[in-house]
PDB file of N, CA and C in Angstrom:
ATOM      1  N   MET A   1      -3.875 -83.174 -19.045  1.00  0.00           N
ATOM      2  CA  MET A   1      -4.062 -82.317 -17.782  1.00  0.00           C
ATOM      3  C   MET A   1      -5.754 -82.011 -17.350  1.00  0.00           C
ATOM      4  N   PRO A   2      -6.570 -82.671 -16.666  1.00  0.00           N
ATOM      5  CA  PRO A   2      -7.477 -82.559 -16.388  1.00  0.00           C
ATOM      6  C   PRO A   2      -7.798 -81.372 -15.399  1.00  0.00           C
ATOM      7  N   GLU A   3      -8.959 -80.666 -15.930  1.00  0.00           N
ATOM      8  CA  GLU A   3      -9.498 -79.495 -15.446  1.00  0.00           C
ATOM      9  C   GLU A   3      -9.912 -79.467 -13.789  1.00  0.00           C
ATOM     10  N   GLN A   4      -9.359 -78.252 -13.068  1.00  0.00           N
ATOM     11  CA  GLN A   4      -9.666 -78.020 -11.767  1.00  0.00           C
ATOM     12  C   GLN A   4     -10.642 -77.425 -11.399  1.00  0.00           C
ATOM     13  N   THR A   5     -11.893 -78.017 -11.296  1.00  0.00           N
ATOM     14  CA  THR A   5     -12.995 -77.438 -10.648  1.00  0.00           C
ATOM     15  C   THR A   5     -13.319 -77.048  -9.210  1.00  0.00           C
ATOM     16  N   GLU A   6     -13.561 -75.511  -8.759  1.00  0.00           N
ATOM     17  CA  GLU A   6     -13.623 -75.851  -7.419  1.00  0.00           C
ATOM     18  C   GLU A   6     -15.321 -75.833  -7.175  1.00  0.00           C
ATOM     19  N   GLU A   7     -15.769 -76.141  -5.981  1.00  0.00           N
ATOM     20  CA  GLU A   7     -17.468 -76.308  -5.708  1.00  0.00           C
ATOM     21  C   GLU A   7     -17.183 -75.297  -5.185  1.00  0.00           C
ATOM     22  N   ILE A   8     -18.361 -74.684  -5.164  1.00  0.00           N
ATOM     23  CA  ILE A   8     -18.970 -73.582  -4.051  1.00  0.00           C
ATOM     24  C   ILE A   8     -20.162 -73.699  -3.485  1.00  0.00           C
ATOM     25  N   THR A   9     -19.951 -73.793  -2.337  1.00  0.00           N
ATOM     26  CA  THR A   9     -21.540 -74.454  -1.482  1.00  0.00           C
ATOM     27  C   THR A   9     -22.595 -73.312  -1.152  1.00  0.00           C
ATOM     28  N   LEU A  10     -23.515 -73.457  -1.236  1.00  0.00           N
ATOM     29  CA  LEU A  10     -24.436 -72.553  -1.107  1.00  0.00           C
ATOM     30  C   LEU A  10     -24.551 -71.549   0.192  1.00  0.00           C
ATOM     31  N   LEU A  11     -23.628 -72.109   1.104  1.00  0.00           N
ATOM     32  CA  LEU A  11     -23.506 -71.198   2.243  1.00  0.00           C
ATOM     33  C   LEU A  11     -22.293 -70.554   2.185  1.00  0.00           C
ATOM     34  N   GLU A  12     -21.543 -70.742   1.543  1.00  0.00           N
ATOM     35  CA  GLU A  12     -20.438 -69.556   0.976  1.00  0.00           C
ATOM     36  C   GLU A  12     -20.808 -68.799  -0.139  1.00  0.00           C
ATOM     37  N   THR A  13     -22.013 -69.208  -0.818  1.00  0.00           N
ATOM     38  CA  THR A  13     -22.226 -68.001  -1.958  1.00  0.00           C
ATOM     39  C   THR A  13     -23.488 -66.969  -0.965  1.00  0.00           C
ATOM     40  N   LEU A  14     -24.143 -67.781  -0.142  1.00  0.00           N
ATOM     41  CA  LEU A  14     -24.899 -66.419   0.163  1.00  0.00           C
ATOM     42  C   LEU A  14     -24.178 -65.654   1.671  1.00  0.00           C
ATOM     43  N   ASP A  15     -22.868 -66.196   1.906  1.00  0.00           N
ATOM     44  CA  ASP A  15     -21.816 -65.525   2.889  1.00  0.00           C
ATOM     45  C   ASP A  15     -21.406 -64.611   1.874  1.00  0.00           C
ATOM     46  N   HIS A  16     -20.695 -64.844   0.968  1.00  0.00           N
ATOM     47  CA  HIS A  16     -20.388 -63.757   0.001  1.00  0.00           C
ATOM     48  C   HIS A  16     -21.331 -62.704  -0.346  1.00  0.00           C
ATOM     49  N   LEU A  17     -22.717 -63.094  -0.509  1.00  0.00           N
ATOM     50  CA  LEU A  17     -23.618 -62.034  -1.071  1.00  0.00           C
ATOM     51  C   LEU A  17     -24.213 -61.062  -0.215  1.00  0.00           C
ATOM     52  N   LEU A  18     -24.262 -61.575   1.281  1.00  0.00           N
ATOM     53  CA  LEU A  18     -24.543 -60.890   2.321  1.00  0.00           C
ATOM     54  C   LEU A  18     -23.668 -59.711   2.825  1.00  0.00           C
ATOM     55  N   ASP A  19     -22.296 -60.122   2.626  1.00  0.00           N
ATOM     56  CA  ASP A  19     -20.903 -58.945   2.659  1.00  0.00           C
ATOM     57  C   ASP A  19     -21.110 -57.689   1.764  1.00  0.00           C
ATOM     58  N   ARG A  20     -21.362 -58.284   0.615  1.00  0.00           N
ATOM     59  CA  ARG A  20     -21.229 -57.770  -0.330  1.00  0.00           C
ATOM     60  C   ARG A  20     -22.603 -56.892  -0.623  1.00  0.00           C
ATOM     61  N   GLY A  21     -23.859 -57.230  -0.217  1.00  0.00           N
ATOM     62  CA  GLY A  21     -24.993 -56.896  -0.120  1.00  0.00           C
ATOM     63  C   GLY A  21     -25.919 -57.073  -1.602  1.00  0.00           C
ATOM     64  N   VAL A  22     -26.764 -57.364  -1.330  1.00  0.00           N
ATOM     65  CA  VAL A  22     -27.894 -57.352  -2.704  1.00  0.00           C
ATOM     66  C   VAL A  22     -29.267 -57.019  -2.242  1.00  0.00           C
ATOM     67  N   VAL A  23     -29.435 -56.270  -3.544  1.00  0.00           N
ATOM     68  CA  VAL A  23     -30.656 -56.304  -3.458  1.00  0.00           C
ATOM     69  C   VAL A  23     -31.911 -56.817  -4.722  1.00  0.00           C
ATOM     70  N   ILE A  24     -32.735 -56.837  -3.856  1.00  0.00           N
ATOM     71  CA  ILE A  24     -33.711 -58.003  -4.987  1.00  0.00           C
ATOM     72  C   ILE A  24     -35.273 -56.589  -5.341  1.00  0.00           C
ATOM     73  N   ALA A  25     -35.487 -56.255  -6.858  1.00  0.00           N
ATOM     74  CA  ALA A  25     -36.667 -55.972  -7.199  1.00  0.00           C
ATOM     75  C   ALA A  25     -37.546 -56.877  -7.938  1.00  0.00           C
ATOM     76  N   GLY A  26     -38.888 -56.525  -7.970  1.00  0.00           N
ATOM     77  CA  GLY A  26     -39.611 -57.170  -8.817  1.00  0.00           C
ATOM     78  C   GLY A  26     -41.122 -56.655  -8.918  1.00  0.00           C
ATOM     79  N   GLU A  27     -41.472 -56.450  -9.622  1.00  0.00           N
ATOM     80  CA  GLU A  27     -43.274 -56.813  -9.673  1.00  0.00           C
ATOM     81  C   GLU A  27     -44.138 -57.739 -10.231  1.00  0.00           C
ATOM     82  N   ALA A  28     -45.110 -57.540 -10.021  1.00  0.00           N
ATOM     83  CA  ALA A  28     -46.437 -58.858 -10.623  1.00  0.00           C
ATOM     84  C   ALA A  28     -47.438 -58.021 -10.564  1.00  0.00           C
ATOM     85  N   THR A  29     -48.272 -58.232 -11.928  1.00  0.00           N
ATOM     86  CA  THR A  29     -49.965 -58.042 -11.587  1.00  0.00           C
ATOM     87  C   THR A  29     -50.606 -59.045 -11.917  1.00  0.00           C
ATOM     88  N   ILE A  30     -51.445 -58.888 -11.125  1.00  0.00           N
ATOM     89  CA  ILE A  30     -52.772 -60.604 -11.745  1.00  0.00           C
ATOM     90  C   ILE A  30     -53.785 -59.177 -12.012  1.00  0.00           C
ATOM     91  N   SER A  31     -54.438 -60.157 -13.604  1.00  0.00           N
ATOM     92  CA  SER A  31     -55.434 -59.565 -14.019  1.00  0.00           C
ATOM     93  C   SER A  31     -55.970 -60.562 -15.077  1.00  0.00           C
ATOM     94  N   ILE A  32     -57.228 -60.213 -14.935  1.00  0.00           N
ATOM     95  CA  ILE A  32     -58.662 -61.074 -15.898  1.00  0.00           C
ATOM     96  C   ILE A  32     -59.395 -60.209 -16.302  1.00  0.00           C
ATOM     97  N   GLY A  33     -59.010 -60.533 -17.781  1.00  0.00           N
ATOM     98  CA  GLY A  33     -59.890 -59.498 -18.990  1.00  0.00           C
ATOM     99  C   GLY A  33     -59.672 -58.424 -18.732  1.00  0.00           C
ATOM    100  N   ASP A  34     -58.025 -58.012 -18.885  1.00  0.00           N
ATOM    101  CA  ASP A  34     -57.549 -56.509 -18.957  1.00  0.00           C
ATOM    102  C   ASP A  34     -58.339 -55.805 -17.452  1.00  0.00           C
ATOM    103  N   VAL A  35     -58.550 -55.987 -16.709  1.00  0.00           N
ATOM    104  CA  VAL A  35     -58.628 -55.539 -15.418  1.00  0.00           C
ATOM    105  C   VAL A  35     -57.564 -56.051 -14.501  1.00  0.00           C
ATOM    106  N   ASP A  36     -56.830 -55.059 -13.660  1.00  0.00           N
ATOM    107  CA  ASP A  36     -55.956 -55.569 -12.922  1.00  0.00           C
ATOM    108  C   ASP A  36     -56.598 -55.676 -11.777  1.00  0.00           C
ATOM    109  N   LEU A  37     -56.518 -56.790 -10.829  1.00  0.00           N
ATOM    110  CA  LEU A  37     -57.155 -57.220  -9.527  1.00  0.00           C
ATOM    111  C   LEU A  37     -56.420 -57.019  -8.799  1.00  0.00           C
ATOM    112  N   LEU A  38     -54.827 -57.017  -8.889  1.00  0.00           N
ATOM    113  CA  LEU A  38     -53.797 -57.319  -7.640  1.00  0.00           C
ATOM    114  C   LEU A  38     -52.321 -56.646  -8.458  1.00  0.00           C
ATOM    115  N   TYR A  39     -51.920 -55.884  -7.630  1.00  0.00           N
ATOM    116  CA  TYR A  39     -50.216 -55.357  -8.098  1.00  0.00           C
ATOM    117  C   TYR A  39     -49.530 -55.848  -6.883  1.00  0.00           C
ATOM    118  N   LEU A  40     -48.217 -56.353  -7.114  1.00  0.00           N
ATOM    119  CA  LEU A  40     -47.185 -56.659  -6.161  1.00  0.00           C
ATOM    120  C   LEU A  40     -46.008 -55.676  -6.447  1.00  0.00           C
ATOM    121  N   GLY A  41     -45.291 -54.800  -6.010  1.00  0.00           N
ATOM    122  CA  GLY A  41     -44.342 -54.560  -5.337  1.00  0.00           C
ATOM    123  C   GLY A  41     -43.479 -54.922  -4.539  1.00  0.00           C
ATOM    124  N   LEU A  42     -42.172 -55.162  -5.063  1.00  0.00           N
ATOM    125  CA  LEU A  42     -41.656 -56.083  -4.071  1.00  0.00           C
ATOM    126  C   LEU A  42     -39.672 -55.304  -3.942  1.00  0.00           C
ATOM    127  N   ASN A  43     -39.322 -54.654  -3.010  1.00  0.00           N
ATOM    128  CA  ASN A  43     -37.981 -54.555  -3.146  1.00  0.00           C
ATOM    129  C   ASN A  43     -37.255 -54.837  -1.694  1.00  0.00           C
ATOM    130  N   ILE A  44     -36.061 -55.513  -2.079  1.00  0.00           N
ATOM    131  CA  ILE A  44     -35.755 -56.298  -0.734  1.00  0.00           C
ATOM    132  C   ILE A  44     -34.396 -55.963  -0.630  1.00  0.00           C
ATOM    133  N   VAL A  45     -33.594 -55.897   0.161  1.00  0.00           N
ATOM    134  CA  VAL A  45     -32.085 -55.201   0.587  1.00  0.00           C
ATOM    135  C   VAL A  45     -32.157 -56.334   1.561  1.00  0.00           C
ATOM    136  N   LEU A  46     -30.874 -57.121   1.452  1.00  0.00           N
ATOM    137  CA  LEU A  46     -30.355 -58.155   2.087  1.00  0.00           C
ATOM    138  C   LEU A  46     -28.471 -57.742   2.059  1.00  0.00           C
ATOM    139  N   ALA A  47     -28.089 -57.500   3.692  1.00  0.00           N
ATOM    140  CA  ALA A  47     -26.722 -56.929   3.650  1.00  0.00           C
ATOM    141  C   ALA A  47     -26.558 -57.536   5.049  1.00  0.00           C
ATOM    142  N   ASN A  48     -25.506 -57.657   5.125  1.00  0.00           N
ATOM    143  CA  ASN A  48     -24.789 -57.671   6.835  1.00  0.00           C
ATOM    144  C   ASN A  48     -24.518 -56.485   7.266  1.00  0.00           C
ATOM    145  N   ILE A  49     -25.055 -56.273   8.760  1.00  0.00           N
ATOM    146  CA  ILE A  49     -25.033 -55.171   8.948  1.00  0.00           C
ATOM    147  C   ILE A  49     -23.508 -54.786   9.092  1.00  0.00           C
ATOM    148  N   ASP A  50     -22.559 -55.171   9.383  1.00  0.00           N
ATOM    149  CA  ASP A  50     -21.340 -54.683   9.477  1.00  0.00           C
ATOM    150  C   ASP A  50     -20.925 -54.659   7.802  1.00  0.00           C
ATOM    151  N   ALA A  51     -21.376 -54.855   6.990  1.00  0.00           N
ATOM    152  CA  ALA A  51     -21.066 -54.335   5.505  1.00  0.00           C
ATOM    153  C   ALA A  51     -21.547 -52.719   5.637  1.00  0.00           C
ATOM    154  N   VAL A  52     -23.030 -52.503   5.871  1.00  0.00           N
ATOM    155  CA  VAL A  52     -23.433 -51.472   5.792  1.00  0.00           C
ATOM    156  C   VAL A  52     -22.934 -50.516   6.055  1.00  0.00           C
ATOM    157  N   ILE A  53     -22.070 -50.798   7.581  1.00  0.00           N
ATOM    158  CA  ILE A  53     -21.775 -49.571   8.454  1.00  0.00           C
ATOM    159  C   ILE A  53     -20.609 -49.170   7.925  1.00  0.00           C
ATOM    160  N   ARG A  54     -19.466 -50.712   7.482  1.00  0.00           N
ATOM    161  CA  ARG A  54     -18.385 -50.166   6.683  1.00  0.00           C
ATOM    162  C   ARG A  54     -18.534 -48.969   5.323  1.00  0.00           C
ATOM    163  N   THR A  55     -19.878 -49.239   4.413  1.00  0.00           N
ATOM    164  CA  THR A  55     -20.293 -48.950   3.260  1.00  0.00           C
ATOM    165  C   THR A  55     -20.798 -47.318   3.677  1.00  0.00           C
ATOM    166  N   SER A  56     -21.703 -47.121   4.880  1.00  0.00           N
ATOM    167  CA  SER A  56     -21.915 -45.898   5.426  1.00  0.00           C
ATOM    168  C   SER A  56     -20.768 -44.919   5.997  1.00  0.00           C
ATOM    169  N   GLN A  57     -19.345 -45.562   6.253  1.00  0.00           N
ATOM    170  CA  GLN A  57     -18.528 -44.494   6.780  1.00  0.00           C
ATOM    171  C   GLN A  57     -17.310 -44.282   5.756  1.00  0.00           C
ATOM    172  N   LYS A  58     -17.529 -44.740   4.483  1.00  0.00           N
ATOM    173  CA  LYS A  58     -16.459 -44.322   3.216  1.00  0.00           C
ATOM    174  C   LYS A  58     -17.066 -43.025   2.789  1.00  0.00           C
TER     175      LYS A  58
END
């Protein structure tokens, strides 16, 4: 019996992530010779506004 696989498109994945909400956090430091030249801190929250309102009302 062959396995059945379900293909999920990028759009469906993005829709699911936005419906649930996702937080991306990261940081990077650029340095030369143990001297930090540049520090980048990144915090991103991606969510559907309806999902945010639903969550805040609970």
